[in-house]
């Protein structure tokens, strides 16, 4: 079953914590693992989360 995703704004100080190389908005699962991103805005990240949830519901 798909895990819940939430948007996180990753700053330079947090790059290592999320194991990413770029700052920006990321969709992370309930285990704080990055699933999607980076995005330039919260709106873009939330849109990608909704799109992914819709795709997973169809399968």
PDB file of N, CA and C in Angstrom:
ATOM      1  N   UNK A   1       0.837  -1.187   0.000  1.00  0.00           N
ATOM      2  CA  UNK A   1       0.000   0.000   0.000  1.00  0.00           C
ATOM      3  C   UNK A   1       0.878   1.244   0.000  1.00  0.00           C
ATOM      4  N   UNK A   2       0.453   2.282  -0.691  1.00  0.00           N
ATOM      5  CA  UNK A   2       1.219   3.518  -0.788  1.00  0.00           C
ATOM      6  C   UNK A   2       1.273   4.228   0.561  1.00  0.00           C
ATOM      7  N   UNK A   3       2.412   4.801   0.822  1.00  0.00           N
ATOM      8  CA  UNK A   3       2.578   5.573   2.051  1.00  0.00           C
ATOM      9  C   UNK A   3       2.081   6.989   1.826  1.00  0.00           C
ATOM     10  N   UNK A   4       1.698   7.647   2.916  1.00  0.00           N
ATOM     11  CA  UNK A   4       1.300   9.045   2.829  1.00  0.00           C
ATOM     12  C   UNK A   4       2.508   9.893   2.472  1.00  0.00           C
ATOM     13  N   UNK A   5       2.280  10.904   1.650  1.00  0.00           N
ATOM     14  CA  UNK A   5       3.347  11.812   1.267  1.00  0.00           C
ATOM     15  C   UNK A   5       3.045  13.194   1.815  1.00  0.00           C
ATOM     16  N   UNK A   6       4.095  13.911   2.175  1.00  0.00           N
ATOM     17  CA  UNK A   6       3.946  15.297   2.601  1.00  0.00           C
ATOM     18  C   UNK A   6       5.054  16.117   1.978  1.00  0.00           C
ATOM     19  N   UNK A   7       4.824  17.421   1.891  1.00  0.00           N
ATOM     20  CA  UNK A   7       5.790  18.342   1.294  1.00  0.00           C
ATOM     21  C   UNK A   7       6.729  18.880   2.365  1.00  0.00           C
ATOM     22  N   UNK A   8       8.017  18.926   2.016  1.00  0.00           N
ATOM     23  CA  UNK A   8       9.035  19.432   2.934  1.00  0.00           C
ATOM     24  C   UNK A   8       9.931  20.395   2.173  1.00  0.00           C
ATOM     25  N   UNK A   9      10.185  21.552   2.781  1.00  0.00           N
ATOM     26  CA  UNK A   9      11.097  22.535   2.198  1.00  0.00           C
ATOM     27  C   UNK A   9      12.489  22.246   2.742  1.00  0.00           C
ATOM     28  N   UNK A  10      13.361  21.699   1.901  1.00  0.00           N
ATOM     29  CA  UNK A  10      14.703  21.303   2.319  1.00  0.00           C
ATOM     30  C   UNK A  10      15.678  22.446   2.047  1.00  0.00           C
ATOM     31  N   UNK A  11      16.323  22.900   3.104  1.00  0.00           N
ATOM     32  CA  UNK A  11      17.305  23.984   3.020  1.00  0.00           C
ATOM     33  C   UNK A  11      18.715  23.386   3.017  1.00  0.00           C
ATOM     34  N   UNK A  12      19.686  24.213   2.758  1.00  0.00           N
ATOM     35  CA  UNK A  12      21.079  23.771   2.660  1.00  0.00           C
ATOM     36  C   UNK A  12      21.500  22.949   3.878  1.00  0.00           C
ATOM     37  N   UNK A  13      21.133  23.389   5.063  1.00  0.00           N
ATOM     38  CA  UNK A  13      21.523  22.685   6.288  1.00  0.00           C
ATOM     39  C   UNK A  13      20.906  21.297   6.401  1.00  0.00           C
ATOM     40  N   UNK A  14      19.830  21.040   5.645  1.00  0.00           N
ATOM     41  CA  UNK A  14      19.103  19.772   5.751  1.00  0.00           C
ATOM     42  C   UNK A  14      19.383  18.796   4.612  1.00  0.00           C
ATOM     43  N   UNK A  15      20.212  19.190   3.641  1.00  0.00           N
ATOM     44  CA  UNK A  15      20.455  18.338   2.469  1.00  0.00           C
ATOM     45  C   UNK A  15      20.898  16.931   2.863  1.00  0.00           C
ATOM     46  N   UNK A  16      21.833  16.845   3.766  1.00  0.00           N
ATOM     47  CA  UNK A  16      22.362  15.541   4.172  1.00  0.00           C
ATOM     48  C   UNK A  16      21.298  14.695   4.879  1.00  0.00           C
ATOM     49  N   UNK A  17      20.450  15.338   5.670  1.00  0.00           N
ATOM     50  CA  UNK A  17      19.403  14.618   6.390  1.00  0.00           C
ATOM     51  C   UNK A  17      18.456  13.891   5.432  1.00  0.00           C
ATOM     52  N   UNK A  18      18.185  14.517   4.294  1.00  0.00           N
ATOM     53  CA  UNK A  18      17.251  13.930   3.320  1.00  0.00           C
ATOM     54  C   UNK A  18      17.968  13.214   2.176  1.00  0.00           C
ATOM     55  N   UNK A  19      19.294  13.205   2.228  1.00  0.00           N
ATOM     56  CA  UNK A  19      20.117  12.544   1.209  1.00  0.00           C
ATOM     57  C   UNK A  19      19.834  13.075  -0.192  1.00  0.00           C
ATOM     58  N   UNK A  20      19.780  14.396  -0.300  1.00  0.00           N
ATOM     59  CA  UNK A  20      19.594  15.051  -1.589  1.00  0.00           C
ATOM     60  C   UNK A  20      20.725  16.056  -1.783  1.00  0.00           C
ATOM     61  N   UNK A  21      20.893  16.513  -3.030  1.00  0.00           N
ATOM     62  CA  UNK A  21      21.991  17.428  -3.331  1.00  0.00           C
ATOM     63  C   UNK A  21      21.524  18.835  -3.669  1.00  0.00           C
ATOM     64  N   UNK A  22      20.217  19.034  -3.789  1.00  0.00           N
ATOM     65  CA  UNK A  22      19.682  20.350  -4.145  1.00  0.00           C
ATOM     66  C   UNK A  22      18.650  20.790  -3.111  1.00  0.00           C
ATOM     67  N   UNK A  23      18.612  22.095  -2.854  1.00  0.00           N
ATOM     68  CA  UNK A  23      17.562  22.629  -2.003  1.00  0.00           C
ATOM     69  C   UNK A  23      16.263  22.691  -2.793  1.00  0.00           C
ATOM     70  N   UNK A  24      15.154  22.788  -2.112  1.00  0.00           N
ATOM     71  CA  UNK A  24      13.856  22.907  -2.760  1.00  0.00           C
ATOM     72  C   UNK A  24      12.799  22.131  -2.008  1.00  0.00           C
ATOM     73  N   UNK A  25      11.643  22.064  -2.612  1.00  0.00           N
ATOM     74  CA  UNK A  25      10.513  21.327  -2.035  1.00  0.00           C
ATOM     75  C   UNK A  25      10.556  19.877  -2.506  1.00  0.00           C
ATOM     76  N   UNK A  26      10.353  18.965  -1.567  1.00  0.00           N
ATOM     77  CA  UNK A  26      10.353  17.538  -1.857  1.00  0.00           C
ATOM     78  C   UNK A  26       9.122  16.881  -1.256  1.00  0.00           C
ATOM     79  N   UNK A  27       8.650  15.841  -1.914  1.00  0.00           N
ATOM     80  CA  UNK A  27       7.609  14.995  -1.340  1.00  0.00           C
ATOM     81  C   UNK A  27       8.312  13.859  -0.626  1.00  0.00           C
ATOM     82  N   UNK A  28       8.015  13.716   0.658  1.00  0.00           N
ATOM     83  CA  UNK A  28       8.623  12.649   1.447  1.00  0.00           C
ATOM     84  C   UNK A  28       7.537  11.737   1.982  1.00  0.00           C
ATOM     85  N   UNK A  29       7.888  10.460   2.156  1.00  0.00           N
ATOM     86  CA  UNK A  29       6.922   9.520   2.705  1.00  0.00           C
ATOM     87  C   UNK A  29       6.946   9.577   4.226  1.00  0.00           C
ATOM     88  N   UNK A  30       6.132   8.747   4.861  1.00  0.00           N
ATOM     89  CA  UNK A  30       6.030   8.811   6.324  1.00  0.00           C
ATOM     90  C   UNK A  30       7.289   8.304   7.028  1.00  0.00           C
ATOM     91  N   UNK A  31       8.268   7.820   6.276  1.00  0.00           N
ATOM     92  CA  UNK A  31       9.560   7.443   6.833  1.00  0.00           C
ATOM     93  C   UNK A  31      10.630   8.492   6.543  1.00  0.00           C
ATOM     94  N   UNK A  32      10.185   9.686   6.082  1.00  0.00           N
ATOM     95  CA  UNK A  32      11.079  10.801   5.714  1.00  0.00           C
ATOM     96  C   UNK A  32      12.020  10.468   4.567  1.00  0.00           C
ATOM     97  N   UNK A  33      11.608   9.556   3.689  1.00  0.00           N
ATOM     98  CA  UNK A  33      12.378   9.251   2.489  1.00  0.00           C
ATOM     99  C   UNK A  33      11.828  10.078   1.330  1.00  0.00           C
ATOM    100  N   UNK A  34      12.722  10.706   0.579  1.00  0.00           N
ATOM    101  CA  UNK A  34      12.323  11.529  -0.557  1.00  0.00           C
ATOM    102  C   UNK A  34      11.758  10.633  -1.657  1.00  0.00           C
ATOM    103  N   UNK A  35      10.589  11.018  -2.152  1.00  0.00           N
ATOM    104  CA  UNK A  35       9.923  10.264  -3.216  1.00  0.00           C
ATOM    105  C   UNK A  35       9.896  11.077  -4.512  1.00  0.00           C
ATOM    106  N   UNK A  36       9.674  12.374  -4.400  1.00  0.00           N
ATOM    107  CA  UNK A  36       9.581  13.252  -5.562  1.00  0.00           C
ATOM    108  C   UNK A  36      10.307  14.561  -5.288  1.00  0.00           C
ATOM    109  N   UNK A  37      10.831  15.172  -6.338  1.00  0.00           N
ATOM    110  CA  UNK A  37      11.420  16.492  -6.187  1.00  0.00           C
ATOM    111  C   UNK A  37      12.817  16.542  -6.750  1.00  0.00           C
ATOM    112  N   UNK A  38      13.414  17.695  -6.724  1.00  0.00           N
ATOM    113  CA  UNK A  38      12.976  18.916  -6.059  1.00  0.00           C
ATOM    114  C   UNK A  38      12.021  19.741  -6.921  1.00  0.00           C
ATOM    115  N   UNK A  39      11.236  20.563  -6.242  1.00  0.00           N
ATOM    116  CA  UNK A  39      10.309  21.488  -6.884  1.00  0.00           C
ATOM    117  C   UNK A  39      10.638  22.889  -6.404  1.00  0.00           C
ATOM    118  N   UNK A  40      10.298  23.887  -7.243  1.00  0.00           N
ATOM    119  CA  UNK A  40      10.597  25.277  -6.888  1.00  0.00           C
ATOM    120  C   UNK A  40       9.610  25.858  -5.898  1.00  0.00           C
ATOM    121  N   UNK A  41       8.404  25.267  -5.812  1.00  0.00           N
ATOM    122  CA  UNK A  41       7.398  25.845  -4.920  1.00  0.00           C
ATOM    123  C   UNK A  41       6.594  24.744  -4.237  1.00  0.00           C
ATOM    124  N   UNK A  42       5.956  25.139  -3.153  1.00  0.00           N
ATOM    125  CA  UNK A  42       5.062  24.235  -2.443  1.00  0.00           C
ATOM    126  C   UNK A  42       3.926  23.800  -3.349  1.00  0.00           C
ATOM    127  N   UNK A  43       3.383  24.717  -4.134  1.00  0.00           N
ATOM    128  CA  UNK A  43       2.270  24.396  -5.031  1.00  0.00           C
ATOM    129  C   UNK A  43       2.656  23.308  -6.033  1.00  0.00           C
ATOM    130  N   UNK A  44       3.855  23.413  -6.612  1.00  0.00           N
ATOM    131  CA  UNK A  44       4.316  22.389  -7.561  1.00  0.00           C
ATOM    132  C   UNK A  44       4.466  21.042  -6.873  1.00  0.00           C
ATOM    133  N   UNK A  45       5.005  21.051  -5.678  1.00  0.00           N
ATOM    134  CA  UNK A  45       5.210  19.809  -4.931  1.00  0.00           C
ATOM    135  C   UNK A  45       3.867  19.162  -4.593  1.00  0.00           C
ATOM    136  N   UNK A  46       2.917  19.963  -4.104  1.00  0.00           N
ATOM    137  CA  UNK A  46       1.601  19.425  -3.757  1.00  0.00           C
ATOM    138  C   UNK A  46       0.879  18.884  -4.983  1.00  0.00           C
ATOM    139  N   UNK A  47       1.028  19.541  -6.116  1.00  0.00           N
ATOM    140  CA  UNK A  47       0.424  19.067  -7.360  1.00  0.00           C
ATOM    141  C   UNK A  47       1.006  17.709  -7.760  1.00  0.00           C
ATOM    142  N   UNK A  48       2.308  17.556  -7.630  1.00  0.00           N
ATOM    143  CA  UNK A  48       2.957  16.280  -7.960  1.00  0.00           C
ATOM    144  C   UNK A  48       2.494  15.175  -7.005  1.00  0.00           C
ATOM    145  N   UNK A  49       2.303  15.518  -5.744  1.00  0.00           N
ATOM    146  CA  UNK A  49       1.803  14.537  -4.770  1.00  0.00           C
ATOM    147  C   UNK A  49       0.401  14.083  -5.162  1.00  0.00           C
ATOM    148  N   UNK A  50      -0.460  15.035  -5.507  1.00  0.00           N
ATOM    149  CA  UNK A  50      -1.831  14.681  -5.928  1.00  0.00           C
ATOM    150  C   UNK A  50      -1.807  13.807  -7.175  1.00  0.00           C
ATOM    151  N   UNK A  51      -0.971  14.170  -8.157  1.00  0.00           N
ATOM    152  CA  UNK A  51      -0.867  13.376  -9.387  1.00  0.00           C
ATOM    153  C   UNK A  51      -0.424  11.955  -9.082  1.00  0.00           C
ATOM    154  N   UNK A  52       0.551  11.806  -8.212  1.00  0.00           N
ATOM    155  CA  UNK A  52       1.048  10.473  -7.857  1.00  0.00           C
ATOM    156  C   UNK A  52      -0.038   9.663  -7.154  1.00  0.00           C
ATOM    157  N   UNK A  53      -0.762  10.293  -6.240  1.00  0.00           N
ATOM    158  CA  UNK A  53      -1.820   9.587  -5.520  1.00  0.00           C
ATOM    159  C   UNK A  53      -2.909   9.122  -6.481  1.00  0.00           C
ATOM    160  N   UNK A  54      -3.259   9.965  -7.459  1.00  0.00           N
ATOM    161  CA  UNK A  54      -4.265   9.575  -8.450  1.00  0.00           C
ATOM    162  C   UNK A  54      -3.783   8.406  -9.296  1.00  0.00           C
ATOM    163  N   UNK A  55      -2.528   8.442  -9.703  1.00  0.00           N
ATOM    164  CA  UNK A  55      -1.960   7.356 -10.505  1.00  0.00           C
ATOM    165  C   UNK A  55      -1.965   6.051  -9.721  1.00  0.00           C
ATOM    166  N   UNK A  56      -1.598   6.100  -8.442  1.00  0.00           N
ATOM    167  CA  UNK A  56      -1.550   4.890  -7.625  1.00  0.00           C
ATOM    168  C   UNK A  56      -2.946   4.327  -7.388  1.00  0.00           C
ATOM    169  N   UNK A  57      -3.955   5.177  -7.293  1.00  0.00           N
ATOM    170  CA  UNK A  57      -5.331   4.713  -7.077  1.00  0.00           C
ATOM    171  C   UNK A  57      -5.847   3.958  -8.297  1.00  0.00           C
ATOM    172  N   UNK A  58      -5.363   4.329  -9.476  1.00  0.00           N
ATOM    173  CA  UNK A  58      -5.823   3.683 -10.719  1.00  0.00           C
ATOM    174  C   UNK A  58      -5.221   2.293 -10.891  1.00  0.00           C
ATOM    175  N   UNK A  59      -4.125   2.014 -10.214  1.00  0.00           N
ATOM    176  CA  UNK A  59      -3.429   0.731 -10.414  1.00  0.00           C
ATOM    177  C   UNK A  59      -3.693  -0.229  -9.316  1.00  0.00           C
TER     178      UNK A  59
END
